[in-house]
């Protein structure tokens, strides 16, 4: 049995995850077109702090992370209110990954505050039926980021991409909440 024939019945909610530049959104759009699924997309460009974050990560880390957390929580809440039995959904993010970024960018006190808010915001996040984890070496991520040409992303440092890739690897090494 192929994924295409299985998806409508067994995979109502699929998440594609991985570091920035790995191709999550591109794959999600192709899968949604193939299966006629609804999209649930991360909207990084809507975050009013993201440009400043890449210019000055230390100063804008908390505001950037809290905005993403609140945005994702709202998207998940809207998703939960939709009729899950009427259509399949494919997302390019999972709420649980938000903490990876927080751990990389926040100081200890900020992380404690973030964790308190996170605990209240993610209590009822739906569990994906399937998670597709994409990986690529940091050099490939850098090339793809450069190619897509989003100005503020060009400031992402190579060491940040490496640390982010390692954080994803650790996270998914222990991940067992859904088939991976």
C-alpha atoms as a PDB file:
ATOM      1  CA  UNK A   1       0.000   0.000   0.000  1.00  0.00           C
ATOM      2  CA  UNK A   2       1.403   3.424  -0.893  1.00  0.00           C
ATOM      3  CA  UNK A   3       1.358   6.561   1.225  1.00  0.00           C
ATOM      4  CA  UNK A   4      -1.016   8.098  -1.297  1.00  0.00           C
ATOM      5  CA  UNK A   5      -3.592   5.367  -0.819  1.00  0.00           C
ATOM      6  CA  UNK A   6      -3.095   5.337   2.970  1.00  0.00           C
ATOM      7  CA  UNK A   7      -3.144   9.054   3.647  1.00  0.00           C
ATOM      8  CA  UNK A   8      -6.869   9.789   3.536  1.00  0.00           C
ATOM      9  CA  UNK A   9      -7.631   7.154   6.173  1.00  0.00           C
ATOM     10  CA  UNK A  10      -4.542   6.724   8.324  1.00  0.00           C
ATOM     11  CA  UNK A  11      -2.707  10.045   8.112  1.00  0.00           C
ATOM     12  CA  UNK A  12      -5.160  12.848   8.778  1.00  0.00           C
ATOM     13  CA  UNK A  13      -2.479  15.124  10.254  1.00  0.00           C
ATOM     14  CA  UNK A  14       1.069  15.043   8.917  1.00  0.00           C
ATOM     15  CA  UNK A  15       3.892  17.314  10.045  1.00  0.00           C
ATOM     16  CA  UNK A  16       7.106  17.957   8.111  1.00  0.00           C
ATOM     17  CA  UNK A  17       9.894  19.217  10.370  1.00  0.00           C
ATOM     18  CA  UNK A  18      13.554  20.147  10.252  1.00  0.00           C
ATOM     19  CA  UNK A  19      15.858  23.156  10.461  1.00  0.00           C
ATOM     20  CA  UNK A  20      15.464  26.376   8.523  1.00  0.00           C
ATOM     21  CA  UNK A  21      16.225  25.944   4.833  1.00  0.00           C
ATOM     22  CA  UNK A  22      15.765  22.168   4.749  1.00  0.00           C
ATOM     23  CA  UNK A  23      12.709  22.295   2.477  1.00  0.00           C
ATOM     24  CA  UNK A  24       9.762  21.832   4.848  1.00  0.00           C
ATOM     25  CA  UNK A  25       7.401  24.300   3.201  1.00  0.00           C
ATOM     26  CA  UNK A  26       8.244  23.112  -0.307  1.00  0.00           C
ATOM     27  CA  UNK A  27       7.534  19.487   0.595  1.00  0.00           C
ATOM     28  CA  UNK A  28       4.357  20.392   2.503  1.00  0.00           C
ATOM     29  CA  UNK A  29       2.984  22.272  -0.500  1.00  0.00           C
ATOM     30  CA  UNK A  30       3.751  19.347  -2.822  1.00  0.00           C
ATOM     31  CA  UNK A  31       2.135  16.855  -0.452  1.00  0.00           C
ATOM     32  CA  UNK A  32      -0.924  19.068  -0.020  1.00  0.00           C
ATOM     33  CA  UNK A  33      -1.292  19.357  -3.810  1.00  0.00           C
ATOM     34  CA  UNK A  34      -0.874  15.609  -4.248  1.00  0.00           C
ATOM     35  CA  UNK A  35      -3.354  14.618  -1.556  1.00  0.00           C
ATOM     36  CA  UNK A  36      -5.702  17.605  -1.640  1.00  0.00           C
ATOM     37  CA  UNK A  37      -4.901  18.342   2.001  1.00  0.00           C
ATOM     38  CA  UNK A  38      -5.324  21.550   3.944  1.00  0.00           C
ATOM     39  CA  UNK A  39      -2.108  23.427   4.715  1.00  0.00           C
ATOM     40  CA  UNK A  40      -0.986  24.600   8.120  1.00  0.00           C
ATOM     41  CA  UNK A  41       2.041  26.806   7.452  1.00  0.00           C
ATOM     42  CA  UNK A  42       4.451  28.534   9.753  1.00  0.00           C
ATOM     43  CA  UNK A  43       4.409  32.237   8.917  1.00  0.00           C
ATOM     44  CA  UNK A  44       7.828  33.460  10.013  1.00  0.00           C
ATOM     45  CA  UNK A  45       7.517  36.605   7.913  1.00  0.00           C
ATOM     46  CA  UNK A  46       4.533  37.683  10.040  1.00  0.00           C
ATOM     47  CA  UNK A  47       6.721  37.860  13.157  1.00  0.00           C
ATOM     48  CA  UNK A  48       7.495  41.579  13.631  1.00  0.00           C
ATOM     49  CA  UNK A  49      10.631  40.724  15.649  1.00  0.00           C
ATOM     50  CA  UNK A  50      12.305  38.267  13.254  1.00  0.00           C
ATOM     51  CA  UNK A  51      14.322  40.826  11.276  1.00  0.00           C
ATOM     52  CA  UNK A  52      15.662  42.420  14.455  1.00  0.00           C
ATOM     53  CA  UNK A  53      16.387  38.984  15.900  1.00  0.00           C
ATOM     54  CA  UNK A  54      18.796  38.129  13.094  1.00  0.00           C
ATOM     55  CA  UNK A  55      20.457  41.527  13.509  1.00  0.00           C
ATOM     56  CA  UNK A  56      20.682  41.316  17.301  1.00  0.00           C
ATOM     57  CA  UNK A  57      19.760  37.848  18.585  1.00  0.00           C
ATOM     58  CA  UNK A  58      20.464  38.584  22.232  1.00  0.00           C
ATOM     59  CA  UNK A  59      18.156  41.596  22.408  1.00  0.00           C
ATOM     60  CA  UNK A  60      15.237  40.178  20.414  1.00  0.00           C
ATOM     61  CA  UNK A  61      15.317  36.463  21.301  1.00  0.00           C
ATOM     62  CA  UNK A  62      12.541  36.481  23.905  1.00  0.00           C
ATOM     63  CA  UNK A  63      10.104  38.638  21.949  1.00  0.00           C
ATOM     64  CA  UNK A  64      10.737  36.581  18.800  1.00  0.00           C
ATOM     65  CA  UNK A  65      10.182  33.271  20.586  1.00  0.00           C
ATOM     66  CA  UNK A  66       7.077  34.418  22.434  1.00  0.00           C
ATOM     67  CA  UNK A  67       5.546  35.721  19.211  1.00  0.00           C
ATOM     68  CA  UNK A  68       6.187  32.371  17.480  1.00  0.00           C
ATOM     69  CA  UNK A  69       4.791  30.456  20.435  1.00  0.00           C
ATOM     70  CA  UNK A  70       1.610  32.514  20.530  1.00  0.00           C
ATOM     71  CA  UNK A  71       1.234  32.334  16.741  1.00  0.00           C
ATOM     72  CA  UNK A  72       1.647  28.548  16.689  1.00  0.00           C
ATOM     73  CA  UNK A  73      -0.680  28.068  19.633  1.00  0.00           C
ATOM     74  CA  UNK A  74      -3.357  30.085  17.813  1.00  0.00           C
ATOM     75  CA  UNK A  75      -2.846  28.103  14.616  1.00  0.00           C
ATOM     76  CA  UNK A  76      -3.121  24.828  16.514  1.00  0.00           C
ATOM     77  CA  UNK A  77      -6.252  26.038  18.309  1.00  0.00           C
ATOM     78  CA  UNK A  78      -7.839  26.946  14.970  1.00  0.00           C
ATOM     79  CA  UNK A  79      -6.764  23.582  13.600  1.00  0.00           C
ATOM     80  CA  UNK A  80      -8.339  21.730  16.546  1.00  0.00           C
ATOM     81  CA  UNK A  81     -11.601  23.561  15.957  1.00  0.00           C
ATOM     82  CA  UNK A  82     -11.705  22.486  12.300  1.00  0.00           C
ATOM     83  CA  UNK A  83     -13.406  19.259  11.400  1.00  0.00           C
ATOM     84  CA  UNK A  84     -10.542  16.771  11.505  1.00  0.00           C
ATOM     85  CA  UNK A  85     -12.696  14.101   9.894  1.00  0.00           C
ATOM     86  CA  UNK A  86     -13.544  16.096   6.774  1.00  0.00           C
ATOM     87  CA  UNK A  87     -10.040  16.599   5.403  1.00  0.00           C
ATOM     88  CA  UNK A  88      -6.404  15.826   5.962  1.00  0.00           C
ATOM     89  CA  UNK A  89      -3.940  18.450   7.166  1.00  0.00           C
ATOM     90  CA  UNK A  90      -0.250  18.875   6.450  1.00  0.00           C
ATOM     91  CA  UNK A  91       1.872  21.271   8.502  1.00  0.00           C
ATOM     92  CA  UNK A  92       5.420  22.589   8.183  1.00  0.00           C
ATOM     93  CA  UNK A  93       5.864  22.917  11.947  1.00  0.00           C
ATOM     94  CA  UNK A  94       5.048  21.257  15.223  1.00  0.00           C
ATOM     95  CA  UNK A  95       4.618  23.241  18.416  1.00  0.00           C
ATOM     96  CA  UNK A  96       7.061  21.035  20.340  1.00  0.00           C
ATOM     97  CA  UNK A  97       9.955  22.203  18.205  1.00  0.00           C
ATOM     98  CA  UNK A  98       9.487  25.782  19.372  1.00  0.00           C
ATOM     99  CA  UNK A  99      11.421  25.029  22.541  1.00  0.00           C
ATOM    100  CA  UNK A 100      14.481  24.010  20.490  1.00  0.00           C
ATOM    101  CA  UNK A 101      14.834  27.587  19.339  1.00  0.00           C
ATOM    102  CA  UNK A 102      14.164  28.923  22.824  1.00  0.00           C
ATOM    103  CA  UNK A 103      16.944  26.775  24.277  1.00  0.00           C
ATOM    104  CA  UNK A 104      19.383  28.074  21.671  1.00  0.00           C
ATOM    105  CA  UNK A 105      18.592  31.751  22.056  1.00  0.00           C
ATOM    106  CA  UNK A 106      17.281  32.543  25.544  1.00  0.00           C
ATOM    107  CA  UNK A 107      19.216  33.023  28.774  1.00  0.00           C
ATOM    108  CA  UNK A 108      18.243  30.944  31.833  1.00  0.00           C
ATOM    109  CA  UNK A 109      15.778  33.430  33.302  1.00  0.00           C
ATOM    110  CA  UNK A 110      14.107  34.026  29.936  1.00  0.00           C
ATOM    111  CA  UNK A 111      13.895  30.272  29.347  1.00  0.00           C
ATOM    112  CA  UNK A 112      12.139  29.802  32.704  1.00  0.00           C
ATOM    113  CA  UNK A 113       9.595  32.463  31.750  1.00  0.00           C
ATOM    114  CA  UNK A 114       9.209  30.977  28.284  1.00  0.00           C
ATOM    115  CA  UNK A 115       8.658  27.502  29.793  1.00  0.00           C
ATOM    116  CA  UNK A 116       5.892  28.798  32.056  1.00  0.00           C
ATOM    117  CA  UNK A 117       4.088  30.319  29.089  1.00  0.00           C
ATOM    118  CA  UNK A 118       4.808  27.280  26.897  1.00  0.00           C
ATOM    119  CA  UNK A 119       3.253  24.921  29.457  1.00  0.00           C
ATOM    120  CA  UNK A 120       0.032  26.917  29.414  1.00  0.00           C
ATOM    121  CA  UNK A 121      -0.102  27.303  25.645  1.00  0.00           C
ATOM    122  CA  UNK A 122       0.561  23.750  24.458  1.00  0.00           C
ATOM    123  CA  UNK A 123      -1.496  21.594  26.775  1.00  0.00           C
ATOM    124  CA  UNK A 124      -3.837  20.310  24.081  1.00  0.00           C
ATOM    125  CA  UNK A 125      -1.740  20.426  20.920  1.00  0.00           C
ATOM    126  CA  UNK A 126      -2.892  17.611  18.629  1.00  0.00           C
ATOM    127  CA  UNK A 127      -0.496  14.770  18.004  1.00  0.00           C
ATOM    128  CA  UNK A 128       0.447  14.200  14.361  1.00  0.00           C
ATOM    129  CA  UNK A 129      -0.391  10.869  12.770  1.00  0.00           C
ATOM    130  CA  UNK A 130       2.985  11.022  11.037  1.00  0.00           C
ATOM    131  CA  UNK A 131       6.071  13.250  11.345  1.00  0.00           C
ATOM    132  CA  UNK A 132       8.492  13.546   8.446  1.00  0.00           C
ATOM    133  CA  UNK A 133      11.875  14.775   9.665  1.00  0.00           C
ATOM    134  CA  UNK A 134      14.101  16.358   7.027  1.00  0.00           C
ATOM    135  CA  UNK A 135      17.827  16.768   7.520  1.00  0.00           C
ATOM    136  CA  UNK A 136      20.617  18.470   5.569  1.00  0.00           C
ATOM    137  CA  UNK A 137      24.171  19.513   6.425  1.00  0.00           C
ATOM    138  CA  UNK A 138      24.537  23.159   7.537  1.00  0.00           C
ATOM    139  CA  UNK A 139      26.342  23.993   4.273  1.00  0.00           C
ATOM    140  CA  UNK A 140      23.300  22.843   2.285  1.00  0.00           C
ATOM    141  CA  UNK A 141      20.989  24.819   4.567  1.00  0.00           C
ATOM    142  CA  UNK A 142      23.154  27.919   4.029  1.00  0.00           C
ATOM    143  CA  UNK A 143      23.016  27.462   0.236  1.00  0.00           C
ATOM    144  CA  UNK A 144      19.232  27.068   0.243  1.00  0.00           C
ATOM    145  CA  UNK A 145      18.768  30.081   2.525  1.00  0.00           C
ATOM    146  CA  UNK A 146      20.937  32.160   0.190  1.00  0.00           C
ATOM    147  CA  UNK A 147      19.033  30.904  -2.856  1.00  0.00           C
ATOM    148  CA  UNK A 148      15.604  31.824  -1.552  1.00  0.00           C
ATOM    149  CA  UNK A 149      16.900  35.336  -0.916  1.00  0.00           C
ATOM    150  CA  UNK A 150      14.939  36.464   2.124  1.00  0.00           C
ATOM    151  CA  UNK A 151      16.996  39.445   3.225  1.00  0.00           C
ATOM    152  CA  UNK A 152      16.882  39.008   6.998  1.00  0.00           C
ATOM    153  CA  UNK A 153      17.735  35.296   6.725  1.00  0.00           C
ATOM    154  CA  UNK A 154      21.035  36.129   5.046  1.00  0.00           C
ATOM    155  CA  UNK A 155      22.324  37.226   8.455  1.00  0.00           C
ATOM    156  CA  UNK A 156      21.929  33.749   9.976  1.00  0.00           C
ATOM    157  CA  UNK A 157      25.292  32.644  11.279  1.00  0.00           C
ATOM    158  CA  UNK A 158      26.798  29.301  10.319  1.00  0.00           C
ATOM    159  CA  UNK A 159      27.361  28.331  13.962  1.00  0.00           C
ATOM    160  CA  UNK A 160      23.657  28.965  14.636  1.00  0.00           C
ATOM    161  CA  UNK A 161      22.690  26.647  11.758  1.00  0.00           C
ATOM    162  CA  UNK A 162      25.024  23.965  13.121  1.00  0.00           C
ATOM    163  CA  UNK A 163      23.655  24.254  16.653  1.00  0.00           C
ATOM    164  CA  UNK A 164      20.100  24.228  15.328  1.00  0.00           C
ATOM    165  CA  UNK A 165      20.732  21.099  13.252  1.00  0.00           C
ATOM    166  CA  UNK A 166      22.255  19.371  16.275  1.00  0.00           C
ATOM    167  CA  UNK A 167      19.262  20.385  18.422  1.00  0.00           C
ATOM    168  CA  UNK A 168      16.858  18.862  15.887  1.00  0.00           C
ATOM    169  CA  UNK A 169      18.919  15.670  15.765  1.00  0.00           C
ATOM    170  CA  UNK A 170      18.814  15.334  19.567  1.00  0.00           C
ATOM    171  CA  UNK A 171      15.089  16.120  19.659  1.00  0.00           C
ATOM    172  CA  UNK A 172      14.130  13.548  17.057  1.00  0.00           C
ATOM    173  CA  UNK A 173      16.505  10.921  18.424  1.00  0.00           C
ATOM    174  CA  UNK A 174      14.261  10.825  21.506  1.00  0.00           C
ATOM    175  CA  UNK A 175      10.953  11.633  19.813  1.00  0.00           C
ATOM    176  CA  UNK A 176       8.354   8.901  20.130  1.00  0.00           C
ATOM    177  CA  UNK A 177       5.017  10.727  20.327  1.00  0.00           C
ATOM    178  CA  UNK A 178       4.121   9.872  16.690  1.00  0.00           C
ATOM    179  CA  UNK A 179       5.452   7.647  13.920  1.00  0.00           C
ATOM    180  CA  UNK A 180       8.573   9.279  12.512  1.00  0.00           C
END
